[in-house]
PDB file of N, CA and C in Angstrom:
ATOM      1  N   MET A   1     102.069 118.935  73.966  1.00  0.00           N
ATOM      2  CA  MET A   1     102.204 118.107  75.063  1.00  0.00           C
ATOM      3  C   MET A   1     101.071 117.159  75.191  1.00  0.00           C
ATOM      4  N   GLU A   2     101.363 115.863  75.341  1.00  0.00           N
ATOM      5  CA  GLU A   2     100.277 114.772  75.409  1.00  0.00           C
ATOM      6  C   GLU A   2      99.605 114.779  76.754  1.00  0.00           C
ATOM      7  N   ASN A   3      98.309 114.699  76.661  1.00  0.00           N
ATOM      8  CA  ASN A   3      97.652 114.489  77.960  1.00  0.00           C
ATOM      9  C   ASN A   3      97.446 112.939  78.343  1.00  0.00           C
ATOM     10  N   ASN A   4      98.154 112.563  79.379  1.00  0.00           N
ATOM     11  CA  ASN A   4      98.242 111.183  79.743  1.00  0.00           C
ATOM     12  C   ASN A   4      97.280 110.850  80.932  1.00  0.00           C
ATOM     13  N   PRO A   5      96.090 110.294  80.571  1.00  0.00           N
ATOM     14  CA  PRO A   5      95.100 110.015  81.643  1.00  0.00           C
ATOM     15  C   PRO A   5      95.571 109.045  82.726  1.00  0.00           C
ATOM     16  N   THR A   6      96.456 108.050  82.308  1.00  0.00           N
ATOM     17  CA  THR A   6      96.897 107.118  83.364  1.00  0.00           C
ATOM     18  C   THR A   6      97.799 107.784  84.328  1.00  0.00           C
ATOM     19  N   ARG A   7      98.607 108.673  83.895  1.00  0.00           N
ATOM     20  CA  ARG A   7      99.476 109.365  84.816  1.00  0.00           C
ATOM     21  C   ARG A   7      98.691 110.270  85.659  1.00  0.00           C
ATOM     22  N   GLN A   8      97.710 111.013  85.154  1.00  0.00           N
ATOM     23  CA  GLN A   8      96.863 111.841  85.954  1.00  0.00           C
ATOM     24  C   GLN A   8      96.125 111.045  87.081  1.00  0.00           C
ATOM     25  N   HIS A   9      95.625 109.833  86.637  1.00  0.00           N
ATOM     26  CA  HIS A   9      94.889 109.011  87.517  1.00  0.00           C
ATOM     27  C   HIS A   9      95.811 108.619  88.683  1.00  0.00           C
ATOM     28  N   SER A  10      97.004 108.178  88.406  1.00  0.00           N
ATOM     29  CA  SER A  10      97.927 107.642  89.428  1.00  0.00           C
ATOM     30  C   SER A  10      98.290 108.794  90.403  1.00  0.00           C
ATOM     31  N   THR A  11      98.324 110.071  89.863  1.00  0.00           N
ATOM     32  CA  THR A  11      98.701 111.219  90.762  1.00  0.00           C
ATOM     33  C   THR A  11      97.494 111.372  91.655  1.00  0.00           C
ATOM     34  N   GLN A  12      96.255 111.232  91.246  1.00  0.00           N
ATOM     35  CA  GLN A  12      95.135 111.385  92.119  1.00  0.00           C
ATOM     36  C   GLN A  12      95.139 110.393  93.161  1.00  0.00           C
ATOM     37  N   ASN A  13      95.426 109.074  92.785  1.00  0.00           N
ATOM     38  CA  ASN A  13      95.540 107.994  93.819  1.00  0.00           C
ATOM     39  C   ASN A  13      96.636 108.233  94.793  1.00  0.00           C
ATOM     40  N   GLY A  14      97.719 108.848  94.304  1.00  0.00           N
ATOM     41  CA  GLY A  14      98.789 109.162  95.197  1.00  0.00           C
ATOM     42  C   GLY A  14      98.331 110.182  96.273  1.00  0.00           C
ATOM     43  N   LYS A  15      97.655 111.201  95.811  1.00  0.00           N
ATOM     44  CA  LYS A  15      97.059 112.261  96.876  1.00  0.00           C
ATOM     45  C   LYS A  15      96.175 111.545  97.786  1.00  0.00           C
ATOM     46  N   LEU A  16      95.234 110.606  97.312  1.00  0.00           N
ATOM     47  CA  LEU A  16      94.356 109.922  98.242  1.00  0.00           C
ATOM     48  C   LEU A  16      95.133 109.121  99.252  1.00  0.00           C
ATOM     49  N   VAL A  17      96.105 108.418  98.850  1.00  0.00           N
ATOM     50  CA  VAL A  17      96.895 107.616  99.813  1.00  0.00           C
ATOM     51  C   VAL A  17      97.652 108.524 100.812  1.00  0.00           C
ATOM     52  N   ILE A  18      98.216 109.655 100.364  1.00  0.00           N
ATOM     53  CA  ILE A  18      98.881 110.527 101.269  1.00  0.00           C
ATOM     54  C   ILE A  18      97.895 111.162 102.185  1.00  0.00           C
ATOM     55  N   GLY A  19      96.814 111.547 101.769  1.00  0.00           N
ATOM     56  CA  GLY A  19      95.747 112.091 102.617  1.00  0.00           C
ATOM     57  C   GLY A  19      95.335 111.024 103.634  1.00  0.00           C
ATOM     58  N   GLY A  20      95.092 109.820 103.218  1.00  0.00           N
ATOM     59  CA  GLY A  20      94.696 108.752 104.209  1.00  0.00           C
ATOM     60  C   GLY A  20      95.783 108.508 105.184  1.00  0.00           C
ATOM     61  N   LEU A  21      97.066 108.488 104.780  1.00  0.00           N
ATOM     62  CA  LEU A  21      98.134 108.334 105.691  1.00  0.00           C
ATOM     63  C   LEU A  21      98.209 109.432 106.748  1.00  0.00           C
ATOM     64  N   LEU A  22      97.985 110.624 106.320  1.00  0.00           N
ATOM     65  CA  LEU A  22      97.993 111.785 107.194  1.00  0.00           C
ATOM     66  C   LEU A  22      96.938 111.664 108.290  1.00  0.00           C
ATOM     67  N   ILE A  23      95.638 111.259 107.835  1.00  0.00           N
ATOM     68  CA  ILE A  23      94.610 111.159 108.753  1.00  0.00           C
ATOM     69  C   ILE A  23      94.900 110.034 109.721  1.00  0.00           C
ATOM     70  N   PHE A  24      95.403 108.888 109.187  1.00  0.00           N
ATOM     71  CA  PHE A  24      95.816 107.692 110.071  1.00  0.00           C
ATOM     72  C   PHE A  24      96.886 108.075 111.058  1.00  0.00           C
ATOM     73  N   VAL A  25      97.856 108.756 110.679  1.00  0.00           N
ATOM     74  CA  VAL A  25      98.947 109.170 111.654  1.00  0.00           C
ATOM     75  C   VAL A  25      98.308 110.239 112.639  1.00  0.00           C
ATOM     76  N   GLY A  26      97.480 111.095 112.189  1.00  0.00           N
ATOM     77  CA  GLY A  26      96.878 112.069 113.112  1.00  0.00           C
ATOM     78  C   GLY A  26      96.068 111.327 114.197  1.00  0.00           C
ATOM     79  N   ALA A  27      95.294 110.344 113.748  1.00  0.00           N
ATOM     80  CA  ALA A  27      94.462 109.681 114.616  1.00  0.00           C
ATOM     81  C   ALA A  27      95.401 108.878 115.686  1.00  0.00           C
ATOM     82  N   ILE A  28      96.401 108.330 115.240  1.00  0.00           N
ATOM     83  CA  ILE A  28      97.330 107.598 116.178  1.00  0.00           C
ATOM     84  C   ILE A  28      97.907 108.527 117.191  1.00  0.00           C
ATOM     85  N   LEU A  29      98.330 109.806 116.689  1.00  0.00           N
ATOM     86  CA  LEU A  29      98.857 110.760 117.625  1.00  0.00           C
ATOM     87  C   LEU A  29      97.858 111.203 118.567  1.00  0.00           C
ATOM     88  N   MET A  30      96.598 111.386 118.221  1.00  0.00           N
ATOM     89  CA  MET A  30      95.498 111.761 119.159  1.00  0.00           C
ATOM     90  C   MET A  30      95.306 110.699 120.142  1.00  0.00           C
ATOM     91  N   LEU A  31      95.285 109.430 119.742  1.00  0.00           N
ATOM     92  CA  LEU A  31      95.121 108.340 120.731  1.00  0.00           C
ATOM     93  C   LEU A  31      96.325 108.193 121.714  1.00  0.00           C
ATOM     94  N   SER A  32      97.545 108.438 121.210  1.00  0.00           N
ATOM     95  CA  SER A  32      98.775 108.603 121.980  1.00  0.00           C
ATOM     96  C   SER A  32      98.634 109.566 123.054  1.00  0.00           C
ATOM     97  N   ASN A  33      98.196 110.747 122.610  1.00  0.00           N
ATOM     98  CA  ASN A  33      98.035 111.902 123.544  1.00  0.00           C
ATOM     99  C   ASN A  33      97.020 111.630 124.605  1.00  0.00           C
ATOM    100  N   LEU A  34      96.087 110.746 124.358  1.00  0.00           N
ATOM    101  CA  LEU A  34      94.999 110.361 125.365  1.00  0.00           C
ATOM    102  C   LEU A  34      95.569 109.175 126.226  1.00  0.00           C
ATOM    103  N   ASP A  35      96.877 108.883 125.967  1.00  0.00           N
ATOM    104  CA  ASP A  35      97.463 107.686 126.784  1.00  0.00           C
ATOM    105  C   ASP A  35      96.665 106.404 126.481  1.00  0.00           C
ATOM    106  N   PHE A  36      96.200 106.209 125.348  1.00  0.00           N
ATOM    107  CA  PHE A  36      95.451 105.040 124.937  1.00  0.00           C
ATOM    108  C   PHE A  36      96.306 103.805 124.914  1.00  0.00           C
ATOM    109  N   PHE A  37      97.551 104.027 124.605  1.00  0.00           N
ATOM    110  CA  PHE A  37      98.572 102.875 124.584  1.00  0.00           C
ATOM    111  C   PHE A  37      99.363 102.738 125.835  1.00  0.00           C
ATOM    112  N   ASP A  38      98.955 103.327 126.925  1.00  0.00           N
ATOM    113  CA  ASP A  38      99.647 103.254 128.167  1.00  0.00           C
ATOM    114  C   ASP A  38      99.611 101.825 128.791  1.00  0.00           C
TER     115      ASP A  38
END
């Protein structure tokens, strides 16, 4: 099996993007719960 560094790197970037989106969505939900957008 070949070790493909580019594929591994893109996977790490994908995890970072997903983590960032989760944090972003969580922050928006918290602000919504505080009626920030009322």
